[in-house]
Amino acid sequence: MIGIVGAGVVGSRVAETLRLFSQQQICVYDIEQIVSQRLAGRLSGGKSQIGVVDRNSMKSAKVVVLCGPSPHFLIAKELLNASVSVVSTSDDIADCLNLLTLSQLAAENNAKLIVGAASSPGMSGLLVRQLAESFDSIDEVHVALHGTGGPACARQHHRALSGQSIGWHDGEWLRRPAGSGRELCWFPEPVGAYDCYRGELPDPLLIKRAFPELERVTGRVTATRRDRVFSRVPMMIPPQAEGGMGGLRVEVRGMKSGARLVDVIAVAERVGQVAGVVAASTAHAIDTNKIGEHGAHVLGDESMPNSWLITQICSAGINLHSFVRA
């Protein structure tokens, strides 16, 4: 049985994807019970049985996907103590670092903990691994994200522009003000080109963990002038129920056949949809014993079934776009 904590935008997409994968038993928990009941009622039928449970009942699941707002540390620790594997969609730097400290606890309880299994981070790590296979060696990765998922994701995007970005640069971690360092990035249509700025994203931390050979790793988010001006004050306008079309762009630099090469791979899809499909595919991998090693992992790491995950994600309707040179 696979459990889902949080029945918002991402949680709904996780349930829909697991149903697509013919997962027989799915249980859902949300603080607002009516939300989880509505989701279960909408998706019930066919081979999948979707039930609404309380938080304590999640301890009877084999794997639980955490789709609510961060932090996920406390509930992840509670589930790991009950020998339940956990897939976290958190995109908060401090939360991701705290989750990684639970690796020993997960191993002691014969459980797996996947940190940052969403769009950014998560899909970004898988795309780096996909591109890395076509290089002899890689030394730079630059990630750019456009769009948001649900309201919690929109609030995190707001905070990401007001904090401090973290990046790996020639052997040391550098902190720079978020909202600085403008760079024009092209995403697949219909997204197009957007100005991107340094953001407080966990991608550099998790990608560096999966690819220790990298010399430079950065993470940026798209932002308008209004986003940057108002990023350091509370959100004036309540976020939408779900953001529009989003995009994820991963640029990898390295060596191939003795020459310097730059390659780009990207996704154009709603951020919540990508996050839900990635999280569901990761949970499905644990449920079907595709991930053997216990402890904490990040997507893109060599210990993960990255090629299988990419295949599952694409079969769920997420298309990958490669940059084609003229």
C-alpha atoms as a PDB file:
ATOM      1  CA  MET A   1       0.000   0.000   0.000  1.00  0.00           C
ATOM      2  CA  ILE A   2       1.181   3.501  -0.853  1.00  0.00           C
ATOM      3  CA  GLY A   3       0.142   6.453   1.299  1.00  0.00           C
ATOM      4  CA  ILE A   4      -0.164  10.106   0.313  1.00  0.00           C
ATOM      5  CA  VAL A   5       0.056  12.898   2.891  1.00  0.00           C
ATOM      6  CA  GLY A   6      -1.454  16.054   1.430  1.00  0.00           C
ATOM      7  CA  ALA A   7      -4.290  16.075  -1.110  1.00  0.00           C
ATOM      8  CA  GLY A   8      -3.497  19.378  -2.799  1.00  0.00           C
ATOM      9  CA  VAL A   9      -2.196  19.916  -6.321  1.00  0.00           C
ATOM     10  CA  VAL A  10       0.846  17.648  -6.010  1.00  0.00           C
ATOM     11  CA  GLY A  11      -0.933  15.018  -3.905  1.00  0.00           C
ATOM     12  CA  SER A  12      -3.745  14.814  -6.448  1.00  0.00           C
ATOM     13  CA  ARG A  13      -1.246  14.307  -9.278  1.00  0.00           C
ATOM     14  CA  VAL A  14       0.511  11.596  -7.274  1.00  0.00           C
ATOM     15  CA  ALA A  15      -2.778   9.735  -6.791  1.00  0.00           C
ATOM     16  CA  GLU A  16      -3.695  10.090 -10.471  1.00  0.00           C
ATOM     17  CA  THR A  17      -0.302   8.765 -11.573  1.00  0.00           C
ATOM     18  CA  LEU A  18      -0.369   5.809  -9.174  1.00  0.00           C
ATOM     19  CA  ARG A  19      -3.805   4.968 -10.527  1.00  0.00           C
ATOM     20  CA  LEU A  20      -2.334   5.110 -14.035  1.00  0.00           C
ATOM     21  CA  PHE A  21       0.346   2.654 -12.877  1.00  0.00           C
ATOM     22  CA  SER A  22      -2.469   0.321 -11.655  1.00  0.00           C
ATOM     23  CA  GLN A  23      -1.498   0.661  -8.003  1.00  0.00           C
ATOM     24  CA  GLN A  24      -4.124  -1.398  -6.188  1.00  0.00           C
ATOM     25  CA  GLN A  25      -4.184   0.194  -2.731  1.00  0.00           C
ATOM     26  CA  ILE A  26      -3.749   3.929  -2.107  1.00  0.00           C
ATOM     27  CA  CYS A  27      -4.523   5.741   1.135  1.00  0.00           C
ATOM     28  CA  VAL A  28      -4.795   9.521   1.450  1.00  0.00           C
ATOM     29  CA  TYR A  29      -4.503  11.816   4.461  1.00  0.00           C
ATOM     30  CA  ASP A  30      -4.988  15.576   4.582  1.00  0.00           C
ATOM     31  CA  ILE A  31      -5.458  17.997   7.471  1.00  0.00           C
ATOM     32  CA  GLU A  32      -8.740  18.993   5.815  1.00  0.00           C
ATOM     33  CA  GLN A  33     -10.570  15.682   5.594  1.00  0.00           C
ATOM     34  CA  ILE A  34     -13.079  16.969   3.050  1.00  0.00           C
ATOM     35  CA  VAL A  35     -10.229  17.563   0.586  1.00  0.00           C
ATOM     36  CA  SER A  36      -8.965  13.983   0.842  1.00  0.00           C
ATOM     37  CA  GLN A  37     -12.535  12.633   0.633  1.00  0.00           C
ATOM     38  CA  ARG A  38     -13.133  14.645  -2.518  1.00  0.00           C
ATOM     39  CA  LEU A  39      -9.943  13.271  -4.086  1.00  0.00           C
ATOM     40  CA  ALA A  40     -10.781   9.680  -3.147  1.00  0.00           C
ATOM     41  CA  GLY A  41     -14.314  10.054  -4.498  1.00  0.00           C
ATOM     42  CA  ARG A  42     -13.072  11.456  -7.797  1.00  0.00           C
ATOM     43  CA  LEU A  43     -10.509   8.725  -8.435  1.00  0.00           C
ATOM     44  CA  SER A  44     -12.210   5.671  -6.937  1.00  0.00           C
ATOM     45  CA  GLY A  45     -13.103   2.884  -9.321  1.00  0.00           C
ATOM     46  CA  GLY A  46     -11.279   0.484 -11.588  1.00  0.00           C
ATOM     47  CA  LYS A  47      -8.369  -1.535 -10.216  1.00  0.00           C
ATOM     48  CA  SER A  48      -7.294   1.084  -7.681  1.00  0.00           C
ATOM     49  CA  GLN A  49      -8.843   1.316  -4.231  1.00  0.00           C
ATOM     50  CA  ILE A  50      -8.371   4.787  -2.735  1.00  0.00           C
ATOM     51  CA  GLY A  51      -9.258   5.242   0.911  1.00  0.00           C
ATOM     52  CA  VAL A  52      -9.194   8.160   3.338  1.00  0.00           C
ATOM     53  CA  VAL A  53      -7.301   7.437   6.570  1.00  0.00           C
ATOM     54  CA  ASP A  54      -5.976   9.290   9.605  1.00  0.00           C
ATOM     55  CA  ARG A  55      -2.322  10.198  10.064  1.00  0.00           C
ATOM     56  CA  ASN A  56      -1.545   7.295  12.378  1.00  0.00           C
ATOM     57  CA  SER A  57      -2.836   4.776   9.811  1.00  0.00           C
ATOM     58  CA  MET A  58      -0.061   5.850   7.424  1.00  0.00           C
ATOM     59  CA  LYS A  59       2.313   3.707   9.501  1.00  0.00           C
ATOM     60  CA  SER A  60       0.753   0.591   7.961  1.00  0.00           C
ATOM     61  CA  ALA A  61       1.783   1.604   4.427  1.00  0.00           C
ATOM     62  CA  LYS A  62       4.917   0.331   2.694  1.00  0.00           C
ATOM     63  CA  VAL A  63       5.832   3.776   1.378  1.00  0.00           C
ATOM     64  CA  VAL A  64       4.383   7.245   2.004  1.00  0.00           C
ATOM     65  CA  VAL A  65       4.666  10.274  -0.284  1.00  0.00           C
ATOM     66  CA  LEU A  66       4.826  13.599   1.591  1.00  0.00           C
ATOM     67  CA  CYS A  67       3.105  16.203  -0.593  1.00  0.00           C
ATOM     68  CA  GLY A  68       2.183  18.874   1.938  1.00  0.00           C
ATOM     69  CA  PRO A  69       4.022  22.123   2.677  1.00  0.00           C
ATOM     70  CA  SER A  70       7.499  21.856   4.193  1.00  0.00           C
ATOM     71  CA  PRO A  71       8.949  21.043   6.655  1.00  0.00           C
ATOM     72  CA  HIS A  72       8.678  17.270   6.244  1.00  0.00           C
ATOM     73  CA  PHE A  73      11.353  16.351   8.786  1.00  0.00           C
ATOM     74  CA  LEU A  74       9.162  15.446  11.776  1.00  0.00           C
ATOM     75  CA  ILE A  75       6.600  13.334   9.931  1.00  0.00           C
ATOM     76  CA  ALA A  76       9.365  11.634   7.929  1.00  0.00           C
ATOM     77  CA  LYS A  77      11.169  10.742  11.165  1.00  0.00           C
ATOM     78  CA  GLU A  78       7.931   9.393  12.637  1.00  0.00           C
ATOM     79  CA  LEU A  79       7.300   7.186   9.601  1.00  0.00           C
ATOM     80  CA  LEU A  80      10.891   5.937   9.379  1.00  0.00           C
ATOM     81  CA  ASN A  81      10.736   4.908  13.045  1.00  0.00           C
ATOM     82  CA  ALA A  82       7.776   2.737  12.015  1.00  0.00           C
ATOM     83  CA  SER A  83       9.877   1.197   9.185  1.00  0.00           C
ATOM     84  CA  VAL A  84       7.867   3.003   6.500  1.00  0.00           C
ATOM     85  CA  SER A  85       9.770   4.254   3.457  1.00  0.00           C
ATOM     86  CA  VAL A  86       9.306   7.947   2.645  1.00  0.00           C
ATOM     87  CA  VAL A  87       9.309  10.020  -0.544  1.00  0.00           C
ATOM     88  CA  SER A  88       9.557  13.755   0.189  1.00  0.00           C
ATOM     89  CA  THR A  89       8.622  16.494  -2.292  1.00  0.00           C
ATOM     90  CA  SER A  90      10.074  19.266  -0.111  1.00  0.00           C
ATOM     91  CA  ASP A  91      11.878  22.074  -1.960  1.00  0.00           C
ATOM     92  CA  ASP A  92      13.122  23.921   1.136  1.00  0.00           C
ATOM     93  CA  ILE A  93      16.907  23.953   1.646  1.00  0.00           C
ATOM     94  CA  ALA A  94      16.884  23.585   5.443  1.00  0.00           C
ATOM     95  CA  ASP A  95      14.260  20.846   5.320  1.00  0.00           C
ATOM     96  CA  CYS A  96      16.164  18.866   2.673  1.00  0.00           C
ATOM     97  CA  LEU A  97      19.374  19.083   4.720  1.00  0.00           C
ATOM     98  CA  ASN A  98      17.525  17.923   7.840  1.00  0.00           C
ATOM     99  CA  LEU A  99      15.953  15.039   5.930  1.00  0.00           C
ATOM    100  CA  LEU A 100      19.367  13.860   4.740  1.00  0.00           C
ATOM    101  CA  THR A 101      20.441  13.508   8.381  1.00  0.00           C
ATOM    102  CA  LEU A 102      17.819  10.747   8.727  1.00  0.00           C
ATOM    103  CA  SER A 103      19.810   8.399   6.479  1.00  0.00           C
ATOM    104  CA  GLN A 104      21.121   6.291   9.363  1.00  0.00           C
ATOM    105  CA  LEU A 105      17.666   6.094  10.955  1.00  0.00           C
ATOM    106  CA  ALA A 106      16.213   4.877   7.651  1.00  0.00           C
ATOM    107  CA  ALA A 107      18.946   2.255   7.277  1.00  0.00           C
ATOM    108  CA  GLU A 108      18.471   1.009  10.844  1.00  0.00           C
ATOM    109  CA  ASN A 109      14.753   0.522  10.171  1.00  0.00           C
ATOM    110  CA  ASN A 110      15.246  -1.101   6.732  1.00  0.00           C
ATOM    111  CA  ALA A 111      13.526   1.808   5.015  1.00  0.00           C
ATOM    112  CA  LYS A 112      14.297   4.150   2.136  1.00  0.00           C
ATOM    113  CA  LEU A 113      14.101   7.929   2.227  1.00  0.00           C
ATOM    114  CA  ILE A 114      14.078   9.836  -1.066  1.00  0.00           C
ATOM    115  CA  VAL A 115      14.758  13.550  -0.579  1.00  0.00           C
ATOM    116  CA  GLY A 116      13.561  16.148  -3.080  1.00  0.00           C
ATOM    117  CA  ALA A 117      11.466  13.946  -5.381  1.00  0.00           C
ATOM    118  CA  ALA A 118       9.568  16.701  -7.182  1.00  0.00           C
ATOM    119  CA  SER A 119      10.205  18.934 -10.182  1.00  0.00           C
ATOM    120  CA  SER A 120      13.016  21.100  -8.859  1.00  0.00           C
ATOM    121  CA  PRO A 121      14.616  19.339  -7.077  1.00  0.00           C
ATOM    122  CA  GLY A 122      13.983  15.814  -8.333  1.00  0.00           C
ATOM    123  CA  MET A 123      13.358  15.904 -12.054  1.00  0.00           C
ATOM    124  CA  SER A 124      16.396  18.158 -12.369  1.00  0.00           C
ATOM    125  CA  GLY A 125      18.665  15.418 -10.968  1.00  0.00           C
ATOM    126  CA  LEU A 126      17.202  12.818 -13.317  1.00  0.00           C
ATOM    127  CA  LEU A 127      17.762  15.092 -16.308  1.00  0.00           C
ATOM    128  CA  VAL A 128      21.386  15.675 -15.296  1.00  0.00           C
ATOM    129  CA  ARG A 129      21.937  11.910 -15.155  1.00  0.00           C
ATOM    130  CA  GLN A 130      20.230  11.524 -18.536  1.00  0.00           C
ATOM    131  CA  LEU A 131      22.572  14.062 -20.153  1.00  0.00           C
ATOM    132  CA  ALA A 132      25.671  12.879 -18.288  1.00  0.00           C
ATOM    133  CA  GLU A 133      25.483   9.534 -20.077  1.00  0.00           C
ATOM    134  CA  SER A 134      26.293  11.265 -23.388  1.00  0.00           C
ATOM    135  CA  PHE A 135      29.454  12.935 -21.965  1.00  0.00           C
ATOM    136  CA  ASP A 136      32.855  11.487 -21.143  1.00  0.00           C
ATOM    137  CA  SER A 137      32.861  13.707 -18.041  1.00  0.00           C
ATOM    138  CA  ILE A 138      30.798  16.627 -16.726  1.00  0.00           C
ATOM    139  CA  ASP A 139      31.886  19.535 -14.531  1.00  0.00           C
ATOM    140  CA  GLU A 140      29.059  22.114 -14.620  1.00  0.00           C
ATOM    141  CA  VAL A 141      25.282  21.977 -14.115  1.00  0.00           C
ATOM    142  CA  HIS A 142      22.951  24.970 -14.259  1.00  0.00           C
ATOM    143  CA  VAL A 143      19.242  24.566 -13.415  1.00  0.00           C
ATOM    144  CA  ALA A 144      16.454  27.058 -14.164  1.00  0.00           C
ATOM    145  CA  LEU A 145      12.816  26.744 -13.071  1.00  0.00           C
ATOM    146  CA  HIS A 146       9.730  28.579 -14.315  1.00  0.00           C
ATOM    147  CA  GLY A 147       6.304  28.471 -12.671  1.00  0.00           C
ATOM    148  CA  THR A 148       4.782  27.116  -9.473  1.00  0.00           C
ATOM    149  CA  GLY A 149       2.495  24.281  -8.429  1.00  0.00           C
ATOM    150  CA  GLY A 150      -0.095  24.886  -5.713  1.00  0.00           C
ATOM    151  CA  PRO A 151      -0.347  27.714  -3.145  1.00  0.00           C
ATOM    152  CA  ALA A 152       2.382  26.262  -0.897  1.00  0.00           C
ATOM    153  CA  CYS A 153       4.732  26.083  -3.878  1.00  0.00           C
ATOM    154  CA  ALA A 154       3.925  29.699  -4.791  1.00  0.00           C
ATOM    155  CA  ARG A 155       4.791  30.816  -1.255  1.00  0.00           C
ATOM    156  CA  GLN A 156       8.063  28.898  -1.423  1.00  0.00           C
ATOM    157  CA  HIS A 157       8.875  30.597  -4.755  1.00  0.00           C
ATOM    158  CA  HIS A 158       8.206  33.944  -3.060  1.00  0.00           C
ATOM    159  CA  ARG A 159      10.631  33.050  -0.249  1.00  0.00           C
ATOM    160  CA  ALA A 160      13.206  31.744  -2.720  1.00  0.00           C
ATOM    161  CA  LEU A 161      13.615  35.247  -4.151  1.00  0.00           C
ATOM    162  CA  SER A 162      14.114  36.894  -0.765  1.00  0.00           C
ATOM    163  CA  GLY A 163      16.684  34.627   0.849  1.00  0.00           C
ATOM    164  CA  GLN A 164      20.185  33.590  -0.133  1.00  0.00           C
ATOM    165  CA  SER A 165      21.017  31.366  -3.055  1.00  0.00           C
ATOM    166  CA  ILE A 166      23.599  28.655  -2.594  1.00  0.00           C
ATOM    167  CA  GLY A 167      25.867  27.379  -5.334  1.00  0.00           C
ATOM    168  CA  TRP A 168      28.972  25.243  -5.719  1.00  0.00           C
ATOM    169  CA  HIS A 169      31.867  27.115  -7.335  1.00  0.00           C
ATOM    170  CA  ASP A 170      35.362  25.685  -7.759  1.00  0.00           C
ATOM    171  CA  GLY A 171      35.517  23.728  -4.538  1.00  0.00           C
ATOM    172  CA  GLU A 172      33.452  25.878  -2.179  1.00  0.00           C
ATOM    173  CA  TRP A 173      29.855  26.768  -1.405  1.00  0.00           C
ATOM    174  CA  LEU A 174      29.005  30.371  -2.209  1.00  0.00           C
ATOM    175  CA  ARG A 175      26.024  32.289  -0.860  1.00  0.00           C
ATOM    176  CA  ARG A 176      24.725  35.205  -2.887  1.00  0.00           C
ATOM    177  CA  PRO A 177      21.585  37.355  -2.531  1.00  0.00           C
ATOM    178  CA  ALA A 178      18.561  35.722  -4.139  1.00  0.00           C
ATOM    179  CA  GLY A 179      17.082  37.803  -6.938  1.00  0.00           C
ATOM    180  CA  SER A 180      20.510  38.778  -8.290  1.00  0.00           C
ATOM    181  CA  GLY A 181      22.477  37.499 -11.283  1.00  0.00           C
ATOM    182  CA  ARG A 182      20.023  37.959 -14.147  1.00  0.00           C
ATOM    183  CA  GLU A 183      20.376  35.471 -16.977  1.00  0.00           C
ATOM    184  CA  LEU A 184      18.133  34.979 -20.015  1.00  0.00           C
ATOM    185  CA  CYS A 185      17.098  31.322 -20.289  1.00  0.00           C
ATOM    186  CA  TRP A 186      15.121  29.709 -23.085  1.00  0.00           C
ATOM    187  CA  PHE A 187      12.512  27.122 -22.170  1.00  0.00           C
ATOM    188  CA  PRO A 188      10.580  24.911 -24.608  1.00  0.00           C
ATOM    189  CA  GLU A 189       7.472  26.413 -26.161  1.00  0.00           C
ATOM    190  CA  PRO A 190       4.914  27.509 -25.131  1.00  0.00           C
ATOM    191  CA  VAL A 191       6.986  28.904 -22.227  1.00  0.00           C
ATOM    192  CA  GLY A 192       9.704  30.631 -24.254  1.00  0.00           C
ATOM    193  CA  ALA A 193      12.428  32.944 -22.917  1.00  0.00           C
ATOM    194  CA  TYR A 194      12.467  34.396 -19.395  1.00  0.00           C
ATOM    195  CA  ASP A 195      14.885  36.336 -17.238  1.00  0.00           C
ATOM    196  CA  CYS A 196      16.099  34.048 -14.455  1.00  0.00           C
ATOM    197  CA  TYR A 197      17.670  35.044 -11.138  1.00  0.00           C
ATOM    198  CA  ARG A 198      19.501  33.268  -8.370  1.00  0.00           C
ATOM    199  CA  GLY A 199      17.058  31.606  -5.989  1.00  0.00           C
ATOM    200  CA  GLU A 200      17.150  29.837  -2.649  1.00  0.00           C
ATOM    201  CA  LEU A 201      16.817  26.379  -4.191  1.00  0.00           C
ATOM    202  CA  PRO A 202      18.056  23.015  -2.863  1.00  0.00           C
ATOM    203  CA  ASP A 203      18.982  21.740  -6.343  1.00  0.00           C
ATOM    204  CA  PRO A 204      22.712  22.595  -6.109  1.00  0.00           C
ATOM    205  CA  LEU A 205      23.008  20.747  -2.780  1.00  0.00           C
ATOM    206  CA  LEU A 206      21.231  17.607  -3.966  1.00  0.00           C
ATOM    207  CA  ILE A 207      22.794  17.538  -7.437  1.00  0.00           C
ATOM    208  CA  LYS A 208      26.282  17.950  -5.948  1.00  0.00           C
ATOM    209  CA  ARG A 209      25.525  15.011  -3.643  1.00  0.00           C
ATOM    210  CA  ALA A 210      24.598  12.857  -6.651  1.00  0.00           C
ATOM    211  CA  PHE A 211      27.493  14.124  -8.796  1.00  0.00           C
ATOM    212  CA  PRO A 212      30.492  14.807  -6.515  1.00  0.00           C
ATOM    213  CA  GLU A 213      32.759  15.414  -9.526  1.00  0.00           C
ATOM    214  CA  LEU A 214      31.013  18.688 -10.417  1.00  0.00           C
ATOM    215  CA  GLU A 215      32.975  21.936 -10.131  1.00  0.00           C
ATOM    216  CA  ARG A 216      30.077  24.373 -10.557  1.00  0.00           C
ATOM    217  CA  VAL A 217      26.350  24.030  -9.812  1.00  0.00           C
ATOM    218  CA  THR A 218      23.773  26.832  -9.803  1.00  0.00           C
ATOM    219  CA  GLY A 219      20.003  27.156  -9.496  1.00  0.00           C
ATOM    220  CA  ARG A 220      17.820  29.965 -10.835  1.00  0.00           C
ATOM    221  CA  VAL A 221      14.129  30.821 -11.004  1.00  0.00           C
ATOM    222  CA  THR A 222      12.207  33.066 -13.362  1.00  0.00           C
ATOM    223  CA  ALA A 223      10.910  36.310 -11.888  1.00  0.00           C
ATOM    224  CA  THR A 224       9.299  39.527 -13.023  1.00  0.00           C
ATOM    225  CA  ARG A 225      10.328  42.940 -11.738  1.00  0.00           C
ATOM    226  CA  ARG A 226       7.289  42.891  -9.450  1.00  0.00           C
ATOM    227  CA  ASP A 227       8.311  39.491  -8.052  1.00  0.00           C
ATOM    228  CA  ARG A 228      11.729  40.836  -7.130  1.00  0.00           C
ATOM    229  CA  VAL A 229      10.473  44.129  -5.685  1.00  0.00           C
ATOM    230  CA  PHE A 230       7.882  42.504  -3.423  1.00  0.00           C
ATOM    231  CA  SER A 231       9.825  39.334  -2.553  1.00  0.00           C
ATOM    232  CA  ARG A 232      10.971  40.775   0.788  1.00  0.00           C
ATOM    233  CA  VAL A 233       7.480  41.625   2.032  1.00  0.00           C
ATOM    234  CA  PRO A 234       4.577  39.258   2.783  1.00  0.00           C
ATOM    235  CA  MET A 235       2.550  38.123  -0.223  1.00  0.00           C
ATOM    236  CA  MET A 236      -0.064  40.815  -0.890  1.00  0.00           C
ATOM    237  CA  ILE A 237      -2.215  38.696  -3.213  1.00  0.00           C
ATOM    238  CA  PRO A 238      -3.271  35.148  -2.271  1.00  0.00           C
ATOM    239  CA  PRO A 239      -1.696  32.603  -4.650  1.00  0.00           C
ATOM    240  CA  GLN A 240      -3.770  30.861  -7.288  1.00  0.00           C
ATOM    241  CA  ALA A 241      -5.039  27.337  -6.734  1.00  0.00           C
ATOM    242  CA  GLU A 242      -2.528  26.148  -9.336  1.00  0.00           C
ATOM    243  CA  GLY A 243       0.063  27.892 -11.469  1.00  0.00           C
ATOM    244  CA  GLY A 244      -0.028  27.865 -15.249  1.00  0.00           C
ATOM    245  CA  MET A 245       2.353  26.249 -17.705  1.00  0.00           C
ATOM    246  CA  GLY A 246       5.791  25.845 -16.164  1.00  0.00           C
ATOM    247  CA  GLY A 247       9.203  24.801 -17.337  1.00  0.00           C
ATOM    248  CA  LEU A 248      12.394  23.162 -16.120  1.00  0.00           C
ATOM    249  CA  ARG A 249      15.706  23.674 -17.905  1.00  0.00           C
ATOM    250  CA  VAL A 250      18.927  21.785 -17.175  1.00  0.00           C
ATOM    251  CA  GLU A 251      22.205  22.807 -18.800  1.00  0.00           C
ATOM    252  CA  VAL A 252      25.174  20.447 -18.521  1.00  0.00           C
ATOM    253  CA  ARG A 253      28.759  21.236 -19.522  1.00  0.00           C
ATOM    254  CA  GLY A 254      31.639  18.809 -19.858  1.00  0.00           C
ATOM    255  CA  MET A 255      34.005  16.950 -22.162  1.00  0.00           C
ATOM    256  CA  LYS A 256      33.265  14.551 -24.990  1.00  0.00           C
ATOM    257  CA  SER A 257      35.849  13.117 -27.396  1.00  0.00           C
ATOM    258  CA  GLY A 258      38.384  15.683 -26.233  1.00  0.00           C
ATOM    259  CA  ALA A 259      36.147  18.687 -26.965  1.00  0.00           C
ATOM    260  CA  ARG A 260      34.209  21.035 -24.682  1.00  0.00           C
ATOM    261  CA  LEU A 261      30.451  20.431 -24.996  1.00  0.00           C
ATOM    262  CA  VAL A 262      27.328  22.170 -23.688  1.00  0.00           C
ATOM    263  CA  ASP A 263      23.963  20.397 -23.836  1.00  0.00           C
ATOM    264  CA  VAL A 264      20.482  21.373 -22.656  1.00  0.00           C
ATOM    265  CA  ILE A 265      17.428  19.274 -21.840  1.00  0.00           C
ATOM    266  CA  ALA A 266      14.126  20.683 -20.618  1.00  0.00           C
ATOM    267  CA  VAL A 267      10.491  20.060 -19.738  1.00  0.00           C
ATOM    268  CA  ALA A 268       7.472  22.255 -20.461  1.00  0.00           C
ATOM    269  CA  GLU A 269       4.575  21.237 -18.207  1.00  0.00           C
ATOM    270  CA  ARG A 270       2.704  22.413 -15.120  1.00  0.00           C
ATOM    271  CA  VAL A 271       5.099  22.251 -12.184  1.00  0.00           C
ATOM    272  CA  GLY A 272       2.582  20.411  -9.993  1.00  0.00           C
ATOM    273  CA  GLN A 273       2.066  17.799 -12.697  1.00  0.00           C
ATOM    274  CA  VAL A 274       5.799  17.142 -13.042  1.00  0.00           C
ATOM    275  CA  ALA A 275       6.273  16.980  -9.266  1.00  0.00           C
ATOM    276  CA  GLY A 276       3.363  14.571  -8.860  1.00  0.00           C
ATOM    277  CA  VAL A 277       4.531  12.232 -11.616  1.00  0.00           C
ATOM    278  CA  VAL A 278       8.129  12.190 -10.330  1.00  0.00           C
ATOM    279  CA  ALA A 279       7.035  11.511  -6.738  1.00  0.00           C
ATOM    280  CA  ALA A 280       4.578   8.799  -7.810  1.00  0.00           C
ATOM    281  CA  SER A 281       7.171   7.102 -10.027  1.00  0.00           C
ATOM    282  CA  THR A 282       9.673   7.130  -7.158  1.00  0.00           C
ATOM    283  CA  ALA A 283       7.136   5.652  -4.732  1.00  0.00           C
ATOM    284  CA  HIS A 284       6.239   3.011  -7.330  1.00  0.00           C
ATOM    285  CA  ALA A 285       9.943   2.146  -7.641  1.00  0.00           C
ATOM    286  CA  ILE A 286      10.176   1.548  -3.886  1.00  0.00           C
ATOM    287  CA  ASP A 287       6.922  -0.425  -3.838  1.00  0.00           C
ATOM    288  CA  THR A 288       8.161  -2.727  -6.617  1.00  0.00           C
ATOM    289  CA  ASN A 289      11.616  -3.106  -5.010  1.00  0.00           C
ATOM    290  CA  LYS A 290      13.485  -1.247  -7.761  1.00  0.00           C
ATOM    291  CA  ILE A 291      15.473   0.606  -5.069  1.00  0.00           C
ATOM    292  CA  GLY A 292      17.442  -1.887  -3.027  1.00  0.00           C
ATOM    293  CA  GLU A 293      19.747   0.124  -0.780  1.00  0.00           C
ATOM    294  CA  HIS A 294      18.315   1.427   2.487  1.00  0.00           C
ATOM    295  CA  GLY A 295      18.982   4.946   3.763  1.00  0.00           C
ATOM    296  CA  ALA A 296      18.583   8.423   2.266  1.00  0.00           C
ATOM    297  CA  HIS A 297      18.925   8.987  -1.475  1.00  0.00           C
ATOM    298  CA  VAL A 298      18.493  11.766  -4.019  1.00  0.00           C
ATOM    299  CA  LEU A 299      17.297  11.378  -7.594  1.00  0.00           C
ATOM    300  CA  GLY A 300      20.121  11.188 -10.111  1.00  0.00           C
ATOM    301  CA  ASP A 301      22.400   9.309  -7.716  1.00  0.00           C
ATOM    302  CA  GLU A 302      24.046   6.187  -9.159  1.00  0.00           C
ATOM    303  CA  SER A 303      22.248   4.030  -6.585  1.00  0.00           C
ATOM    304  CA  MET A 304      18.875   5.000  -8.070  1.00  0.00           C
ATOM    305  CA  PRO A 305      17.135   3.352 -11.070  1.00  0.00           C
ATOM    306  CA  ASN A 306      17.324   6.617 -12.998  1.00  0.00           C
ATOM    307  CA  SER A 307      16.720   5.237 -16.508  1.00  0.00           C
ATOM    308  CA  TRP A 308      13.703   3.275 -15.299  1.00  0.00           C
ATOM    309  CA  LEU A 309      12.322   6.360 -13.561  1.00  0.00           C
ATOM    310  CA  ILE A 310      12.725   8.484 -16.702  1.00  0.00           C
ATOM    311  CA  THR A 311      10.884   5.816 -18.706  1.00  0.00           C
ATOM    312  CA  GLN A 312       8.035   5.748 -16.178  1.00  0.00           C
ATOM    313  CA  ILE A 313       7.819   9.540 -16.080  1.00  0.00           C
ATOM    314  CA  CYS A 314       7.666   9.784 -19.871  1.00  0.00           C
ATOM    315  CA  SER A 315       5.030   7.040 -20.027  1.00  0.00           C
ATOM    316  CA  ALA A 316       2.912   9.173 -17.659  1.00  0.00           C
ATOM    317  CA  GLY A 317       2.856  12.002 -20.198  1.00  0.00           C
ATOM    318  CA  ILE A 318       5.888  14.154 -19.347  1.00  0.00           C
ATOM    319  CA  ASN A 319       7.790  14.987 -22.544  1.00  0.00           C
ATOM    320  CA  LEU A 320      11.502  15.802 -22.635  1.00  0.00           C
ATOM    321  CA  HIS A 321      12.808  18.471 -25.013  1.00  0.00           C
ATOM    322  CA  SER A 322      16.406  18.578 -26.225  1.00  0.00           C
ATOM    323  CA  PHE A 323      18.162  21.665 -27.536  1.00  0.00           C
ATOM    324  CA  VAL A 324      18.834  21.212 -31.256  1.00  0.00           C
ATOM    325  CA  ARG A 325      21.687  23.137 -32.819  1.00  0.00           C
ATOM    326  CA  ALA A 326      21.194  24.715 -36.232  1.00  0.00           C
END
